Protein backbone atom coordinates (compact mmCIF):
# COMPACT_ATOMS: atom_id res chain seq x y z
CA UNK A 1 165.27 55.73 129.21
CA UNK A 2 163.35 52.47 129.78
CA UNK A 3 159.93 52.41 128.10
CA UNK A 4 157.45 49.63 128.74
CA UNK A 5 155.41 48.38 125.77
CA UNK A 6 152.36 46.44 126.93
CA UNK A 7 151.59 43.27 124.97
CA UNK A 8 148.06 41.86 124.89
CA UNK A 9 146.78 38.85 122.95
CA UNK A 10 145.94 40.48 119.63
CA UNK A 11 148.45 43.34 119.83
CA UNK A 12 149.99 43.79 116.39
CA UNK A 13 151.92 47.04 116.71
CA UNK A 14 154.01 46.21 119.78
CA UNK A 15 157.05 45.29 117.70
CA UNK A 16 156.64 48.51 115.69
CA UNK A 17 156.69 50.53 118.92
CA UNK A 18 159.72 48.62 120.20
CA UNK A 19 161.52 49.27 116.91
CA UNK A 20 160.75 52.99 117.03
CA UNK A 21 161.97 53.27 120.62
CA UNK A 22 165.09 51.13 120.30
CA UNK A 23 166.29 51.16 116.70
CA UNK A 24 165.20 54.66 115.73
CA UNK A 25 165.45 56.59 119.01
CA UNK A 26 168.17 54.58 120.76
CA UNK A 27 166.36 53.93 124.04
CA UNK A 28 165.45 50.68 125.79
CA UNK A 29 162.03 49.12 125.21
CA UNK A 30 160.73 46.55 127.71
CA UNK A 31 157.85 44.27 126.58
CA UNK A 32 155.25 43.96 129.38
CA UNK A 33 153.01 40.89 129.19
CA UNK A 34 149.38 41.63 130.08
CA UNK A 35 149.15 38.91 132.75
CA UNK A 36 152.11 40.17 134.77
CA UNK A 37 151.26 43.09 137.12
CA UNK A 38 154.81 44.41 137.03
CA UNK A 39 156.07 47.45 135.11
CA UNK A 40 159.69 46.38 135.72
CA UNK A 41 160.87 49.83 136.70
CA UNK A 42 160.09 51.54 133.38
CA UNK A 43 159.93 55.32 133.16
CA UNK A 44 157.17 55.52 130.53
CA UNK A 45 154.51 53.17 129.17
CA UNK A 46 153.18 52.67 125.63
CA UNK A 47 149.92 50.84 124.94
CA UNK A 48 150.29 49.85 121.27
CA UNK A 49 147.78 49.33 118.51
CA UNK A 50 146.12 46.10 117.48
CA UNK A 51 143.04 44.14 118.49
CA UNK A 52 143.51 43.27 122.16
CA UNK A 53 141.54 40.15 123.05
CA UNK A 54 140.13 40.21 119.53
CA UNK A 55 138.09 43.34 120.34
CA UNK A 56 135.66 41.00 122.11
CA UNK A 57 132.71 42.87 123.70
CA UNK A 58 134.13 46.32 122.80
CA UNK A 59 137.52 47.53 121.64
CA UNK A 60 139.76 47.70 124.70
CA UNK A 61 137.06 46.56 127.16
CA UNK A 62 138.73 43.33 128.28
CA UNK A 63 142.25 44.76 128.09
CA UNK A 64 141.18 47.45 130.56
CA UNK A 65 140.58 44.66 133.12
CA UNK A 66 143.92 42.88 132.62
CA UNK A 67 146.39 42.58 135.54
CA UNK A 68 148.92 44.94 133.96
CA UNK A 69 146.37 47.76 133.69
CA UNK A 70 146.12 48.07 137.46
CA UNK A 71 149.82 48.90 137.50
CA UNK A 72 149.47 51.24 134.52
CA UNK A 73 146.72 53.11 136.37
CA UNK A 74 148.86 53.49 139.49
CA UNK A 75 151.78 54.61 137.33
CA UNK A 76 149.63 57.23 135.57
CA UNK A 77 148.05 58.42 138.82
CA UNK A 78 151.57 58.99 140.13
CA UNK A 79 152.35 61.22 137.15
CA UNK A 80 154.08 58.67 134.94
CA UNK A 81 153.78 59.25 131.18
CA UNK A 82 151.51 56.86 129.28
CA UNK A 83 150.93 56.88 125.52
CA UNK A 84 148.05 54.91 124.02
CA UNK A 85 148.08 54.43 120.25
CA UNK A 86 144.93 53.32 118.37
CA UNK A 87 143.79 50.26 120.37
CA UNK A 88 145.83 51.74 123.23
CA UNK A 89 143.63 54.86 123.08
CA UNK A 90 140.57 52.63 123.26
CA UNK A 91 142.01 50.81 126.28
CA UNK A 92 142.76 54.08 128.08
CA UNK A 93 139.17 55.25 127.61
CA UNK A 94 137.75 51.92 128.78
CA UNK A 95 140.05 52.02 131.82
CA UNK A 96 138.88 55.51 132.76
CA UNK A 97 142.30 57.10 132.29
CA UNK A 98 140.88 59.27 129.50
CA UNK A 99 137.30 60.54 129.04
CA UNK A 100 135.02 59.54 126.21
CA UNK A 101 134.76 56.46 124.04
CA UNK A 102 135.84 55.30 120.58
CA UNK A 103 132.82 54.28 118.49
CA UNK A 104 132.50 52.53 115.14
CA UNK A 105 133.60 54.74 112.25
CA UNK A 106 130.74 56.80 110.86
CA UNK A 107 131.27 55.14 107.48
CA UNK A 108 131.01 51.68 109.09
CA UNK A 109 134.18 50.88 107.16
CA UNK A 110 137.70 50.02 108.26
CA UNK A 111 139.89 52.97 107.30
CA UNK A 112 143.56 52.37 106.44
CA UNK A 113 145.12 55.52 104.98
CA UNK A 114 147.36 58.48 105.64
CA UNK A 115 145.73 61.43 107.40
CA UNK A 116 146.83 64.99 108.05
CA UNK A 117 146.99 66.18 111.64
CA UNK A 118 147.18 69.60 113.22
CA UNK A 119 149.02 69.84 116.53
CA UNK A 120 146.63 71.84 118.70
CA UNK A 121 148.78 71.76 121.84
CA UNK A 122 152.53 71.63 121.34
CA UNK A 123 153.36 72.03 125.02
CA UNK A 124 152.49 68.53 126.26
CA UNK A 125 154.92 65.80 127.29
CA UNK A 126 154.17 64.10 123.97
CA UNK A 127 154.25 67.00 121.49
CA UNK A 128 157.09 69.35 122.43
CA UNK A 129 159.38 68.02 119.69
CA UNK A 130 156.72 68.34 116.97
CA UNK A 131 156.63 71.18 114.44
CA UNK A 132 153.76 73.60 114.99
CA UNK A 133 153.41 74.71 111.38
CA UNK A 134 152.58 72.30 108.55
CA UNK A 135 150.16 69.40 109.18
CA UNK A 136 151.68 66.03 110.06
CA UNK A 137 151.12 63.08 107.74
CA UNK A 138 150.62 59.88 109.74
CA UNK A 139 148.69 56.67 108.92
CA UNK A 140 145.55 55.35 110.58
CA UNK A 141 144.20 51.80 110.56
CA UNK A 142 140.98 51.34 112.51
CA UNK A 143 137.30 50.51 112.37
CA UNK A 144 136.46 52.08 115.74
CA UNK A 145 138.19 55.47 115.79
CA UNK A 146 135.16 57.71 116.09
CA UNK A 147 135.87 59.69 119.26
CA UNK A 148 132.73 60.62 121.17
CA UNK A 149 132.06 62.38 124.47
CA UNK A 150 129.18 64.42 125.87
CA UNK A 151 128.93 68.18 125.37
CA UNK A 152 130.23 69.06 128.83
CA UNK A 153 133.31 66.85 128.42
CA UNK A 154 133.95 68.24 124.95
CA UNK A 155 133.80 71.80 126.27
CA UNK A 156 136.26 70.87 129.03
CA UNK A 157 138.69 69.24 126.62
CA UNK A 158 138.60 72.17 124.24
CA UNK A 159 138.69 74.80 126.98
CA UNK A 160 141.63 73.24 128.80
CA UNK A 161 143.73 72.65 125.69
CA UNK A 162 143.46 68.90 126.06
CA UNK A 163 142.62 68.30 122.41
CA UNK A 164 146.15 67.65 121.20
CA UNK A 165 145.58 66.48 117.63
CA UNK A 166 142.90 67.23 115.06
CA UNK A 167 142.23 65.81 111.60
CA UNK A 168 142.67 68.56 109.00
CA UNK A 169 142.95 69.05 105.25
CA UNK A 170 146.02 70.26 103.35
CA UNK A 171 145.19 73.85 104.28
CA UNK A 172 145.05 72.99 107.98
CA UNK A 173 141.26 73.21 108.20
CA UNK A 174 139.28 70.79 110.35
CA UNK A 175 136.76 70.10 107.61
CA UNK A 176 134.24 67.25 107.49
CA UNK A 177 136.06 65.87 104.45
CA UNK A 178 139.28 65.61 106.48
CA UNK A 179 137.58 63.58 109.22
CA UNK A 180 138.13 59.87 108.47
CA UNK A 181 135.88 58.43 111.17
CA UNK A 182 133.32 60.99 112.34
CA UNK A 183 135.10 62.01 115.56
CA UNK A 184 133.58 64.99 117.37
CA UNK A 185 135.35 68.21 116.40
CA UNK A 186 137.73 66.17 114.22
CA UNK A 187 139.53 64.98 117.37
CA UNK A 188 142.45 62.62 116.72
CA UNK A 189 144.14 62.73 120.13
CA UNK A 190 143.61 64.01 123.67
CA UNK A 191 145.50 64.19 126.97
CA UNK A 192 144.43 63.69 130.56
CA UNK A 193 143.81 66.58 132.95
CA UNK A 194 147.38 66.26 134.31
CA UNK A 195 148.79 66.04 130.78
CA UNK A 196 150.69 62.79 131.39
CA UNK A 197 148.35 60.41 129.54
CA UNK A 198 147.94 60.67 125.75
CA UNK A 199 145.50 58.79 123.58
CA UNK A 200 145.72 59.07 119.79
CA UNK A 201 144.23 57.06 116.93
CA UNK A 202 146.95 57.65 114.28
CA UNK A 203 150.07 55.45 114.34
CA UNK A 204 153.26 57.51 114.89
CA UNK A 205 155.37 54.33 115.10
CA UNK A 206 154.55 53.72 111.43
CA UNK A 207 155.87 57.15 110.44
CA UNK A 208 159.31 57.26 112.04
CA UNK A 209 161.55 56.48 109.07
CA UNK A 210 161.79 57.91 105.56
CA UNK A 211 161.59 54.43 104.03
CA UNK A 212 158.03 54.25 105.41
CA UNK A 213 157.07 57.43 103.58
CA UNK A 214 157.02 59.86 106.51
CA UNK A 215 159.03 60.75 109.60
CA UNK A 216 156.28 62.95 111.03
CA UNK A 217 155.57 60.49 113.84
CA UNK A 218 159.11 60.59 115.20
CA UNK A 219 158.47 63.76 117.20
CA UNK A 220 155.98 61.96 119.46
CA UNK A 221 158.64 59.50 120.59
CA UNK A 222 161.33 62.16 120.85
CA UNK A 223 158.98 64.20 123.04
CA UNK A 224 158.18 61.21 125.25
CA UNK A 225 161.85 60.25 125.58
CA UNK A 226 163.22 63.74 126.20
């Protein structure tokens, strides 16, 4: 499978995503430069983490207007799978491919730590290879990961099973203490109405090999590539 990894000025997790796709999963990763409106025939797209355009204006705001995003939108509207990780999640929200917005962390601090995640919907294109029992341990690294949406949107996301990942404690409870950024309902990841676009703040590409301390992120890529 050919997976496009979009590269913006300020991306810093694009090589991590390429490594996870190619070296760990054995598929082909195709870097896609932000100025080139060409997806080069890829079958899936990953928007990686980082600080696109230096987070100028708002996180993901300028990246959402880049030439490549027009093609990503058309790809997603045609049913193509798109995964946005951290800054990629922010870009997807700014581009209107996912509802809501990522605000500054409630603590007003950059948070770089492992978090525990509960898989709330294991039947999406991105989660079918994930275990549904014990919480996943995956790192975060963000200052603007506080997911916010209005009450009506939140009710839709929850009612339609579009909340895919939730921050939880060791007992699997979505407690305030387990929430690293203040996200509504402890939301860590959501999917689009069609289920083909995923946005998540944690970094699965940094949890794909035992040497990194966890392989819990590998299931996201295995699901995408299946």
